Amino acid sequence: MEDRVQWVRLHELWDFLMWKRVDWTNEIMIRAGGFRNIYITYTAKEKYEASCLVPKF
């Protein structure tokens, strides 16, 4: 969550044209042991819920 806050602070002064260049999605692709791709989706309300966050390792 701290990384997200830092990212927002770095980009809070962007203007409309800069944000227009960003591709937005709520889907991510994860490669699990090279066997297959797993797609994870979540709703906008779930975005910052602890149950939807996975720690980095």
N, C-alpha and C. Protein backbone atom coordinates (compact mmCIF):
# COMPACT_ATOMS: atom_id res chain seq x y z
N MET A 1 0.82 -1.18 0.00
CA MET A 1 0.00 0.00 0.00
C MET A 1 0.88 1.26 0.00
N GLU A 2 2.03 1.18 0.67
CA GLU A 2 2.94 2.32 0.69
C GLU A 2 3.45 2.64 -0.72
N ASP A 3 3.71 1.60 -1.51
CA ASP A 3 4.15 1.81 -2.90
C ASP A 3 3.09 2.54 -3.70
N ARG A 4 1.83 2.22 -3.47
CA ARG A 4 0.75 2.89 -4.20
C ARG A 4 0.66 4.36 -3.82
N VAL A 5 0.81 4.66 -2.53
CA VAL A 5 0.77 6.04 -2.08
C VAL A 5 1.93 6.82 -2.70
N GLN A 6 3.10 6.23 -2.71
CA GLN A 6 4.27 6.88 -3.31
C GLN A 6 4.03 7.14 -4.80
N TRP A 7 3.45 6.16 -5.50
CA TRP A 7 3.17 6.32 -6.93
C TRP A 7 2.21 7.47 -7.16
N VAL A 8 1.18 7.56 -6.33
CA VAL A 8 0.20 8.64 -6.48
C VAL A 8 0.87 9.99 -6.26
N ARG A 9 1.72 10.08 -5.26
CA ARG A 9 2.39 11.36 -4.99
C ARG A 9 3.30 11.77 -6.14
N LEU A 10 3.90 10.80 -6.81
CA LEU A 10 4.76 11.12 -7.95
C LEU A 10 3.96 11.59 -9.17
N HIS A 11 2.69 11.17 -9.25
CA HIS A 11 1.89 11.45 -10.44
C HIS A 11 0.72 12.40 -10.20
N GLU A 12 0.59 12.97 -9.03
CA GLU A 12 -0.58 13.79 -8.72
C GLU A 12 -0.63 15.09 -9.53
N LEU A 13 0.47 15.53 -10.08
CA LEU A 13 0.49 16.78 -10.84
C LEU A 13 0.38 16.58 -12.35
N TRP A 14 0.18 15.34 -12.77
CA TRP A 14 0.03 15.08 -14.20
C TRP A 14 -1.20 15.81 -14.73
N ASP A 15 -1.11 16.28 -15.98
CA ASP A 15 -2.26 16.91 -16.61
C ASP A 15 -3.05 15.87 -17.42
N PHE A 16 -4.14 16.32 -18.00
CA PHE A 16 -5.04 15.42 -18.72
C PHE A 16 -4.33 14.66 -19.84
N LEU A 17 -3.48 15.33 -20.60
CA LEU A 17 -2.81 14.68 -21.73
C LEU A 17 -1.87 13.56 -21.27
N MET A 18 -1.24 13.75 -20.11
CA MET A 18 -0.36 12.70 -19.60
C MET A 18 -1.18 11.47 -19.16
N TRP A 19 -2.31 11.71 -18.48
CA TRP A 19 -3.14 10.59 -18.03
C TRP A 19 -3.80 9.89 -19.22
N LYS A 20 -4.03 10.61 -20.28
CA LYS A 20 -4.66 10.03 -21.46
C LYS A 20 -3.78 8.95 -22.09
N ARG A 21 -2.47 9.01 -21.86
CA ARG A 21 -1.53 8.04 -22.42
C ARG A 21 -1.48 6.73 -21.62
N VAL A 22 -2.14 6.68 -20.47
CA VAL A 22 -2.09 5.50 -19.61
C VAL A 22 -3.17 4.50 -20.02
N ASP A 23 -2.80 3.23 -20.15
CA ASP A 23 -3.77 2.17 -20.41
C ASP A 23 -4.25 1.62 -19.07
N TRP A 24 -5.55 1.70 -18.81
CA TRP A 24 -6.11 1.27 -17.53
C TRP A 24 -6.74 -0.11 -17.66
N THR A 25 -6.52 -0.94 -16.68
CA THR A 25 -7.14 -2.25 -16.63
C THR A 25 -7.19 -2.73 -15.19
N ASN A 26 -8.10 -3.63 -14.91
CA ASN A 26 -8.12 -4.23 -13.58
C ASN A 26 -7.82 -5.73 -13.67
N GLU A 27 -7.23 -6.15 -14.77
CA GLU A 27 -6.82 -7.53 -14.96
C GLU A 27 -5.31 -7.62 -14.91
N ILE A 28 -4.82 -8.68 -14.29
CA ILE A 28 -3.39 -8.93 -14.30
C ILE A 28 -3.16 -10.37 -14.72
N MET A 29 -2.00 -10.64 -15.27
CA MET A 29 -1.65 -11.99 -15.66
C MET A 29 -0.51 -12.46 -14.77
N ILE A 30 -0.66 -13.64 -14.24
CA ILE A 30 0.36 -14.21 -13.37
C ILE A 30 0.80 -15.54 -13.95
N ARG A 31 2.08 -15.75 -14.04
CA ARG A 31 2.60 -17.03 -14.52
C ARG A 31 2.90 -17.89 -13.30
N ALA A 32 2.17 -18.97 -13.15
CA ALA A 32 2.28 -19.84 -11.98
C ALA A 32 3.11 -21.07 -12.34
N GLY A 33 4.38 -21.03 -12.04
CA GLY A 33 5.24 -22.17 -12.25
C GLY A 33 5.38 -22.59 -13.70
N GLY A 34 5.01 -21.73 -14.64
CA GLY A 34 5.16 -22.04 -16.04
C GLY A 34 4.11 -22.99 -16.60
N PHE A 35 3.12 -23.37 -15.80
CA PHE A 35 2.12 -24.32 -16.26
C PHE A 35 1.02 -23.67 -17.09
N ARG A 36 0.52 -22.54 -16.61
CA ARG A 36 -0.55 -21.85 -17.33
C ARG A 36 -0.67 -20.43 -16.81
N ASN A 37 -1.40 -19.62 -17.54
CA ASN A 37 -1.65 -18.25 -17.11
C ASN A 37 -2.89 -18.23 -16.23
N ILE A 38 -2.84 -17.44 -15.17
CA ILE A 38 -3.98 -17.28 -14.29
C ILE A 38 -4.40 -15.82 -14.37
N TYR A 39 -5.68 -15.58 -14.58
CA TYR A 39 -6.19 -14.22 -14.65
C TYR A 39 -6.96 -13.91 -13.37
N ILE A 40 -6.64 -12.80 -12.77
CA ILE A 40 -7.28 -12.39 -11.53
C ILE A 40 -8.00 -11.08 -11.82
N THR A 41 -9.25 -11.02 -11.47
CA THR A 41 -10.00 -9.79 -11.62
C THR A 41 -10.61 -9.42 -10.27
N TYR A 42 -10.83 -8.16 -10.06
CA TYR A 42 -11.47 -7.68 -8.85
C TYR A 42 -12.27 -6.44 -9.19
N THR A 43 -13.22 -6.12 -8.37
CA THR A 43 -14.04 -4.94 -8.61
C THR A 43 -13.31 -3.70 -8.11
N ALA A 44 -13.76 -2.55 -8.53
CA ALA A 44 -13.13 -1.30 -8.11
C ALA A 44 -13.20 -1.14 -6.60
N LYS A 45 -14.26 -1.62 -5.97
CA LYS A 45 -14.40 -1.51 -4.52
C LYS A 45 -13.40 -2.39 -3.78
N GLU A 46 -12.96 -3.47 -4.41
CA GLU A 46 -12.03 -4.40 -3.78
C GLU A 46 -10.57 -4.01 -3.95
N LYS A 47 -10.31 -2.97 -4.70
CA LYS A 47 -8.96 -2.62 -5.11
C LYS A 47 -7.96 -2.52 -3.95
N TYR A 48 -8.36 -1.89 -2.84
CA TYR A 48 -7.43 -1.68 -1.73
C TYR A 48 -7.72 -2.57 -0.53
N GLU A 49 -8.60 -3.55 -0.66
CA GLU A 49 -8.88 -4.45 0.45
C GLU A 49 -7.68 -5.36 0.69
N ALA A 50 -7.39 -5.59 1.94
CA ALA A 50 -6.24 -6.42 2.30
C ALA A 50 -6.34 -7.82 1.71
N SER A 51 -7.56 -8.33 1.57
CA SER A 51 -7.74 -9.68 1.02
C SER A 51 -7.37 -9.76 -0.46
N CYS A 52 -7.28 -8.62 -1.14
CA CYS A 52 -6.94 -8.60 -2.57
C CYS A 52 -5.47 -8.25 -2.80
N LEU A 53 -4.73 -7.98 -1.74
CA LEU A 53 -3.33 -7.63 -1.88
C LEU A 53 -2.45 -8.83 -1.57
N VAL A 54 -1.38 -8.98 -2.32
CA VAL A 54 -0.45 -10.08 -2.11
C VAL A 54 0.91 -9.47 -1.84
N PRO A 55 1.56 -9.88 -0.74
CA PRO A 55 2.88 -9.31 -0.46
C PRO A 55 3.91 -9.70 -1.50
N LYS A 56 4.87 -8.84 -1.75
CA LYS A 56 5.96 -9.14 -2.67
C LYS A 56 6.98 -10.03 -1.99
N PHE A 57 7.62 -10.88 -2.76
CA PHE A 57 8.70 -11.70 -2.20
C PHE A 57 9.79 -11.87 -3.19
